[in-house]
Amino acid sequence: MTETRPYVPPAHVVGSGAHKVIVLHSLFAGHESFSPWWPYLDGTRFSYAFMDARGFGDAIDVDGSYTCDEIASDVLLLADSLGWREFSLIGHSLGGMPAQQVVLKAPERVRKLVGLSPAPANGLGIPEQAYPLLAEAAHKVENRRIIIDSSTGGKLSAHWVASWAEQSMKAVGPDAFRSYLDPSTPPTSPPRSRVLRCPHWWWSVRTTRRPTPTP
């Protein structure tokens, strides 16, 4: 009889320090979006695991329900596989939602929580008029380009925005992308009103769109 091993999400580990940290990516990228950080991380004090959620990066072909609850459960599977009983979390954008869910699932295991422009735990709150643009971005690189340009304040070069959109298409599967935008998919399990019982910090980057030049 063949033994079925539990799924363990792929992760790129940097460092070997005592303070363990699991890092969760945004909707538009996988773990490699953090690669510019890697040369500057203190690997003597910290160990960082940059995880790919199902449908992203090295897990792009892995099927799943594509929910924040699933990501949170996979974080705990990853921590167990690494032998990390206690760890901190960093969640960027969409990754902020499952990071908070991990605290609800296993508060005794989370040391600290950091959100980088995190999505709120109660959902993305996408306006109805914006939903078609976002939903079609699952399959259309031009839509991703528009969203990336807008969300970064329209301040970055057209080449940078186009390159990021192309990379996003390669790193994020369309089914996973679309699922996280589905308003019928609950971002977290109730009760949502529970208090996070660990030190936590939110950093948000304010983007003010540059004015459109006039003739």
C-alpha atoms as a PDB file:
ATOM      1  CA  MET A   1       0.000   0.000   0.000  1.00  0.00           C
ATOM      2  CA  THR A   2       1.448   3.344  -1.071  1.00  0.00           C
ATOM      3  CA  GLU A   3       1.636   5.932   1.680  1.00  0.00           C
ATOM      4  CA  THR A   4       0.325   9.342   0.683  1.00  0.00           C
ATOM      5  CA  ARG A   5       2.511  12.086   2.065  1.00  0.00           C
ATOM      6  CA  PRO A   6       0.867  15.363   3.124  1.00  0.00           C
ATOM      7  CA  TYR A   7       1.328  18.272   0.775  1.00  0.00           C
ATOM      8  CA  VAL A   8       4.161  20.640   1.633  1.00  0.00           C
ATOM      9  CA  PRO A   9       4.205  23.983  -0.199  1.00  0.00           C
ATOM     10  CA  PRO A  10       7.450  24.941  -1.961  1.00  0.00           C
ATOM     11  CA  ALA A  11       9.538  27.658  -0.362  1.00  0.00           C
ATOM     12  CA  HIS A  12      12.880  29.343  -0.901  1.00  0.00           C
ATOM     13  CA  VAL A  13      14.789  29.475   2.399  1.00  0.00           C
ATOM     14  CA  VAL A  14      17.317  32.223   3.135  1.00  0.00           C
ATOM     15  CA  GLY A  15      19.460  32.194   6.281  1.00  0.00           C
ATOM     16  CA  SER A  16      19.877  29.860   9.221  1.00  0.00           C
ATOM     17  CA  GLY A  17      19.179  32.114  12.198  1.00  0.00           C
ATOM     18  CA  ALA A  18      17.110  31.300  15.266  1.00  0.00           C
ATOM     19  CA  HIS A  19      14.246  33.679  14.476  1.00  0.00           C
ATOM     20  CA  LYS A  20      12.117  31.952  11.838  1.00  0.00           C
ATOM     21  CA  VAL A  21      10.028  33.987   9.382  1.00  0.00           C
ATOM     22  CA  ILE A  22       7.543  32.838   6.723  1.00  0.00           C
ATOM     23  CA  VAL A  23       6.879  35.352   3.933  1.00  0.00           C
ATOM     24  CA  LEU A  24       3.682  35.394   1.840  1.00  0.00           C
ATOM     25  CA  HIS A  25       3.440  37.046  -1.574  1.00  0.00           C
ATOM     26  CA  SER A  26       0.825  39.210  -3.276  1.00  0.00           C
ATOM     27  CA  LEU A  27      -1.845  38.311  -5.840  1.00  0.00           C
ATOM     28  CA  PHE A  28       0.366  39.427  -8.728  1.00  0.00           C
ATOM     29  CA  ALA A  29       3.507  37.378  -8.028  1.00  0.00           C
ATOM     30  CA  GLY A  30       5.084  34.355  -6.414  1.00  0.00           C
ATOM     31  CA  HIS A  31       7.984  34.049  -4.003  1.00  0.00           C
ATOM     32  CA  GLU A  32      10.539  35.356  -6.518  1.00  0.00           C
ATOM     33  CA  SER A  33       9.056  38.843  -6.246  1.00  0.00           C
ATOM     34  CA  PHE A  34      11.055  39.096  -3.015  1.00  0.00           C
ATOM     35  CA  SER A  35      14.370  38.083  -4.606  1.00  0.00           C
ATOM     36  CA  PRO A  36      15.794  41.656  -4.511  1.00  0.00           C
ATOM     37  CA  TRP A  37      15.664  41.371  -0.692  1.00  0.00           C
ATOM     38  CA  TRP A  38      17.671  38.197  -0.403  1.00  0.00           C
ATOM     39  CA  PRO A  39      21.263  39.565  -0.536  1.00  0.00           C
ATOM     40  CA  TYR A  40      20.452  42.046   2.261  1.00  0.00           C
ATOM     41  CA  LEU A  41      18.768  39.776   4.802  1.00  0.00           C
ATOM     42  CA  ASP A  42      20.539  38.924   8.042  1.00  0.00           C
ATOM     43  CA  GLY A  43      20.799  35.160   7.741  1.00  0.00           C
ATOM     44  CA  THR A  44      22.718  34.809  11.000  1.00  0.00           C
ATOM     45  CA  ARG A  45      19.824  36.070  13.134  1.00  0.00           C
ATOM     46  CA  PHE A  46      16.904  35.048  10.936  1.00  0.00           C
ATOM     47  CA  SER A  47      15.735  32.187   8.735  1.00  0.00           C
ATOM     48  CA  TYR A  48      13.279  33.259   6.026  1.00  0.00           C
ATOM     49  CA  ALA A  49      11.017  30.895   4.081  1.00  0.00           C
ATOM     50  CA  PHE A  50       9.496  32.568   1.012  1.00  0.00           C
ATOM     51  CA  MET A  51       6.497  30.364   0.293  1.00  0.00           C
ATOM     52  CA  ASP A  52       4.507  29.895  -2.907  1.00  0.00           C
ATOM     53  CA  ALA A  53       0.765  29.476  -2.442  1.00  0.00           C
ATOM     54  CA  ARG A  54      -1.010  26.926  -4.635  1.00  0.00           C
ATOM     55  CA  GLY A  55      -1.389  28.298  -8.144  1.00  0.00           C
ATOM     56  CA  PHE A  56       1.655  30.598  -7.793  1.00  0.00           C
ATOM     57  CA  GLY A  57       5.360  30.349  -8.663  1.00  0.00           C
ATOM     58  CA  ASP A  58       6.787  26.876  -8.089  1.00  0.00           C
ATOM     59  CA  ALA A  59       3.279  25.684  -7.100  1.00  0.00           C
ATOM     60  CA  ILE A  60       1.564  27.103 -10.195  1.00  0.00           C
ATOM     61  CA  ASP A  61       0.361  23.646 -11.280  1.00  0.00           C
ATOM     62  CA  VAL A  62      -0.836  22.567  -7.834  1.00  0.00           C
ATOM     63  CA  ASP A  63      -4.618  22.306  -7.569  1.00  0.00           C
ATOM     64  CA  GLY A  64      -6.455  23.681  -4.587  1.00  0.00           C
ATOM     65  CA  SER A  65      -9.467  25.585  -3.367  1.00  0.00           C
ATOM     66  CA  TYR A  66      -7.424  28.804  -3.691  1.00  0.00           C
ATOM     67  CA  THR A  67      -8.655  30.386  -0.496  1.00  0.00           C
ATOM     68  CA  CYS A  68      -6.885  32.298   2.253  1.00  0.00           C
ATOM     69  CA  ASP A  69      -7.871  29.566   4.691  1.00  0.00           C
ATOM     70  CA  GLU A  70      -6.034  27.060   2.498  1.00  0.00           C
ATOM     71  CA  ILE A  71      -2.913  29.247   2.372  1.00  0.00           C
ATOM     72  CA  ALA A  72      -2.982  29.565   6.168  1.00  0.00           C
ATOM     73  CA  SER A  73      -3.229  25.796   6.566  1.00  0.00           C
ATOM     74  CA  ASP A  74      -0.361  25.339   4.100  1.00  0.00           C
ATOM     75  CA  VAL A  75       1.770  27.787   6.094  1.00  0.00           C
ATOM     76  CA  LEU A  76       1.417  25.502   9.113  1.00  0.00           C
ATOM     77  CA  LEU A  77       2.306  22.465   6.979  1.00  0.00           C
ATOM     78  CA  LEU A  78       5.409  24.272   5.745  1.00  0.00           C
ATOM     79  CA  ALA A  79       6.412  25.259   9.274  1.00  0.00           C
ATOM     80  CA  ASP A  80       5.974  21.656  10.440  1.00  0.00           C
ATOM     81  CA  SER A  81       8.071  20.334   7.552  1.00  0.00           C
ATOM     82  CA  LEU A  82      10.862  22.784   8.434  1.00  0.00           C
ATOM     83  CA  GLY A  83      10.661  21.916  12.120  1.00  0.00           C
ATOM     84  CA  TRP A  84       9.669  25.484  13.005  1.00  0.00           C
ATOM     85  CA  ARG A  85       7.485  25.313  16.097  1.00  0.00           C
ATOM     86  CA  GLU A  86       7.389  29.117  16.415  1.00  0.00           C
ATOM     87  CA  PHE A  87       7.771  31.699  13.669  1.00  0.00           C
ATOM     88  CA  SER A  88       6.936  35.222  12.561  1.00  0.00           C
ATOM     89  CA  LEU A  89       4.974  36.154   9.436  1.00  0.00           C
ATOM     90  CA  ILE A  90       5.286  38.778   6.712  1.00  0.00           C
ATOM     91  CA  GLY A  91       2.365  39.190   4.319  1.00  0.00           C
ATOM     92  CA  HIS A  92       2.416  41.465   1.276  1.00  0.00           C
ATOM     93  CA  SER A  93      -0.911  42.702  -0.136  1.00  0.00           C
ATOM     94  CA  LEU A  94      -3.087  39.575  -0.567  1.00  0.00           C
ATOM     95  CA  GLY A  95      -0.603  37.700   1.633  1.00  0.00           C
ATOM     96  CA  GLY A  96      -1.716  39.832   4.563  1.00  0.00           C
ATOM     97  CA  MET A  97      -5.061  38.021   4.740  1.00  0.00           C
ATOM     98  CA  PRO A  98      -3.805  34.447   5.224  1.00  0.00           C
ATOM     99  CA  ALA A  99      -1.075  35.753   7.528  1.00  0.00           C
ATOM    100  CA  GLN A 100      -3.791  37.002   9.868  1.00  0.00           C
ATOM    101  CA  GLN A 101      -5.645  33.720   9.459  1.00  0.00           C
ATOM    102  CA  VAL A 102      -2.573  31.792  10.646  1.00  0.00           C
ATOM    103  CA  VAL A 103      -2.687  33.805  13.874  1.00  0.00           C
ATOM    104  CA  LEU A 104      -6.322  32.796  14.338  1.00  0.00           C
ATOM    105  CA  LYS A 105      -5.559  29.128  13.641  1.00  0.00           C
ATOM    106  CA  ALA A 106      -2.428  28.798  15.746  1.00  0.00           C
ATOM    107  CA  PRO A 107      -1.856  31.910  17.898  1.00  0.00           C
ATOM    108  CA  GLU A 108       0.630  30.101  20.124  1.00  0.00           C
ATOM    109  CA  ARG A 109       2.965  29.567  17.144  1.00  0.00           C
ATOM    110  CA  VAL A 110       3.198  33.130  15.791  1.00  0.00           C
ATOM    111  CA  ARG A 111       5.798  35.438  17.354  1.00  0.00           C
ATOM    112  CA  LYS A 112       5.188  38.578  15.323  1.00  0.00           C
ATOM    113  CA  LEU A 113       3.147  39.645  12.302  1.00  0.00           C
ATOM    114  CA  VAL A 114       4.110  42.251   9.707  1.00  0.00           C
ATOM    115  CA  GLY A 115       1.807  43.425   6.917  1.00  0.00           C
ATOM    116  CA  LEU A 116       3.235  45.191   3.869  1.00  0.00           C
ATOM    117  CA  SER A 117       0.329  47.131   2.340  1.00  0.00           C
ATOM    118  CA  PRO A 118      -1.802  44.180   3.511  1.00  0.00           C
ATOM    119  CA  ALA A 119      -5.283  43.368   2.296  1.00  0.00           C
ATOM    120  CA  PRO A 120      -7.796  43.561   5.162  1.00  0.00           C
ATOM    121  CA  ALA A 121      -8.860  40.328   6.838  1.00  0.00           C
ATOM    122  CA  ASN A 122     -12.505  40.855   5.843  1.00  0.00           C
ATOM    123  CA  GLY A 123     -11.752  40.795   2.109  1.00  0.00           C
ATOM    124  CA  LEU A 124     -10.414  42.854  -0.753  1.00  0.00           C
ATOM    125  CA  GLY A 125     -13.514  45.039  -0.954  1.00  0.00           C
ATOM    126  CA  ILE A 126     -13.379  45.392  -4.742  1.00  0.00           C
ATOM    127  CA  PRO A 127     -15.810  48.039  -6.046  1.00  0.00           C
ATOM    128  CA  GLU A 128     -18.415  46.577  -8.404  1.00  0.00           C
ATOM    129  CA  GLN A 129     -17.310  48.797 -11.286  1.00  0.00           C
ATOM    130  CA  ALA A 130     -13.696  47.655 -10.940  1.00  0.00           C
ATOM    131  CA  TYR A 131     -14.433  43.934 -10.796  1.00  0.00           C
ATOM    132  CA  PRO A 132     -14.493  43.239 -14.590  1.00  0.00           C
ATOM    133  CA  LEU A 133     -11.035  44.788 -15.069  1.00  0.00           C
ATOM    134  CA  LEU A 134      -9.618  42.684 -12.241  1.00  0.00           C
ATOM    135  CA  ALA A 135     -11.429  39.472 -13.175  1.00  0.00           C
ATOM    136  CA  GLU A 136     -10.275  39.629 -16.800  1.00  0.00           C
ATOM    137  CA  ALA A 137      -6.705  40.220 -15.599  1.00  0.00           C
ATOM    138  CA  ALA A 138      -6.654  36.500 -14.817  1.00  0.00           C
ATOM    139  CA  HIS A 139      -6.112  35.922 -18.543  1.00  0.00           C
ATOM    140  CA  LYS A 140      -5.142  39.330 -19.988  1.00  0.00           C
ATOM    141  CA  VAL A 141      -1.685  40.806 -19.535  1.00  0.00           C
ATOM    142  CA  GLU A 142      -2.931  44.243 -20.586  1.00  0.00           C
ATOM    143  CA  ASN A 143      -5.356  44.296 -17.670  1.00  0.00           C
ATOM    144  CA  ARG A 144      -2.568  43.372 -15.279  1.00  0.00           C
ATOM    145  CA  ARG A 145      -0.453  46.154 -16.741  1.00  0.00           C
ATOM    146  CA  ILE A 146      -3.228  48.697 -16.130  1.00  0.00           C
ATOM    147  CA  ILE A 147      -3.750  47.516 -12.543  1.00  0.00           C
ATOM    148  CA  ILE A 148      -0.032  47.487 -11.721  1.00  0.00           C
ATOM    149  CA  ASP A 149       0.404  50.969 -13.181  1.00  0.00           C
ATOM    150  CA  SER A 150      -2.545  52.314 -11.207  1.00  0.00           C
ATOM    151  CA  SER A 151      -1.623  50.617  -7.917  1.00  0.00           C
ATOM    152  CA  THR A 152       1.916  52.031  -8.062  1.00  0.00           C
ATOM    153  CA  GLY A 153       0.650  55.566  -8.626  1.00  0.00           C
ATOM    154  CA  GLY A 154       1.491  55.740 -12.319  1.00  0.00           C
ATOM    155  CA  LYS A 155       5.001  56.791 -11.332  1.00  0.00           C
ATOM    156  CA  LEU A 156       7.029  53.930 -12.778  1.00  0.00           C
ATOM    157  CA  SER A 157       8.277  53.566 -16.338  1.00  0.00           C
ATOM    158  CA  ALA A 158       6.141  51.867 -18.957  1.00  0.00           C
ATOM    159  CA  HIS A 159       8.929  49.315 -19.449  1.00  0.00           C
ATOM    160  CA  TRP A 160       8.994  48.405 -15.727  1.00  0.00           C
ATOM    161  CA  VAL A 161       5.199  48.064 -15.573  1.00  0.00           C
ATOM    162  CA  ALA A 162       5.053  45.944 -18.734  1.00  0.00           C
ATOM    163  CA  SER A 163       7.880  43.695 -17.503  1.00  0.00           C
ATOM    164  CA  TRP A 164       6.173  43.174 -14.140  1.00  0.00           C
ATOM    165  CA  ALA A 165       2.877  42.347 -15.872  1.00  0.00           C
ATOM    166  CA  GLU A 166       4.617  39.769 -18.084  1.00  0.00           C
ATOM    167  CA  GLN A 167       6.319  38.185 -15.077  1.00  0.00           C
ATOM    168  CA  SER A 168       3.000  38.134 -13.256  1.00  0.00           C
ATOM    169  CA  MET A 169       1.378  36.168 -16.083  1.00  0.00           C
ATOM    170  CA  LYS A 170       4.136  33.538 -15.784  1.00  0.00           C
ATOM    171  CA  ALA A 171       4.065  33.339 -11.987  1.00  0.00           C
ATOM    172  CA  VAL A 172       0.320  33.342 -11.266  1.00  0.00           C
ATOM    173  CA  GLY A 173      -2.135  30.792 -12.649  1.00  0.00           C
ATOM    174  CA  PRO A 174      -5.434  32.181 -13.975  1.00  0.00           C
ATOM    175  CA  ASP A 175      -7.644  29.967 -11.811  1.00  0.00           C
ATOM    176  CA  ALA A 176      -5.876  30.993  -8.614  1.00  0.00           C
ATOM    177  CA  PHE A 177      -5.881  34.662  -9.616  1.00  0.00           C
ATOM    178  CA  ARG A 178      -9.605  34.658 -10.350  1.00  0.00           C
ATOM    179  CA  SER A 179     -10.539  32.678  -7.245  1.00  0.00           C
ATOM    180  CA  TYR A 180      -9.115  35.245  -4.824  1.00  0.00           C
ATOM    181  CA  LEU A 181     -11.215  37.932  -6.501  1.00  0.00           C
ATOM    182  CA  ASP A 182     -14.454  35.946  -6.223  1.00  0.00           C
ATOM    183  CA  PRO A 183     -16.717  37.841  -3.799  1.00  0.00           C
ATOM    184  CA  SER A 184     -18.397  34.557  -2.842  1.00  0.00           C
ATOM    185  CA  THR A 185     -15.092  33.125  -1.546  1.00  0.00           C
ATOM    186  CA  PRO A 186     -14.744  33.957   2.162  1.00  0.00           C
ATOM    187  CA  PRO A 187     -11.283  35.369   2.946  1.00  0.00           C
ATOM    188  CA  THR A 188     -11.191  33.969   6.452  1.00  0.00           C
ATOM    189  CA  SER A 189     -13.144  31.635   8.651  1.00  0.00           C
ATOM    190  CA  PRO A 190     -15.316  33.125  11.386  1.00  0.00           C
ATOM    191  CA  PRO A 191     -15.048  34.588  13.909  1.00  0.00           C
ATOM    192  CA  ARG A 192     -13.441  37.573  12.165  1.00  0.00           C
ATOM    193  CA  SER A 193     -13.732  39.792  15.226  1.00  0.00           C
ATOM    194  CA  ARG A 194     -11.072  37.942  17.229  1.00  0.00           C
ATOM    195  CA  VAL A 195      -8.127  40.032  18.363  1.00  0.00           C
ATOM    196  CA  LEU A 196      -4.646  39.240  17.056  1.00  0.00           C
ATOM    197  CA  ARG A 197      -2.803  38.108  20.187  1.00  0.00           C
ATOM    198  CA  CYS A 198       0.708  38.830  18.940  1.00  0.00           C
ATOM    199  CA  PRO A 199       2.753  41.963  18.180  1.00  0.00           C
ATOM    200  CA  HIS A 200       1.788  43.176  14.721  1.00  0.00           C
ATOM    201  CA  TRP A 201       2.710  46.076  12.446  1.00  0.00           C
ATOM    202  CA  TRP A 202       1.165  47.310   9.180  1.00  0.00           C
ATOM    203  CA  TRP A 203       3.173  49.270   6.628  1.00  0.00           C
ATOM    204  CA  SER A 204       1.176  50.811   3.812  1.00  0.00           C
ATOM    205  CA  VAL A 205       2.654  52.543   0.800  1.00  0.00           C
ATOM    206  CA  ARG A 206       0.555  55.506  -0.242  1.00  0.00           C
ATOM    207  CA  THR A 207       0.465  55.936  -3.996  1.00  0.00           C
ATOM    208  CA  THR A 208      -0.710  59.253  -5.373  1.00  0.00           C
ATOM    209  CA  ARG A 209      -1.237  59.025  -9.075  1.00  0.00           C
ATOM    210  CA  ARG A 210       0.660  61.641 -11.057  1.00  0.00           C
ATOM    211  CA  PRO A 211      -1.596  64.143 -12.841  1.00  0.00           C
ATOM    212  CA  THR A 212      -2.337  63.535 -16.487  1.00  0.00           C
ATOM    213  CA  PRO A 213      -0.368  66.031 -18.594  1.00  0.00           C
ATOM    214  CA  THR A 214      -2.516  68.587 -20.392  1.00  0.00           C
ATOM    215  CA  PRO A 215      -1.726  69.992 -23.834  1.00  0.00           C
END
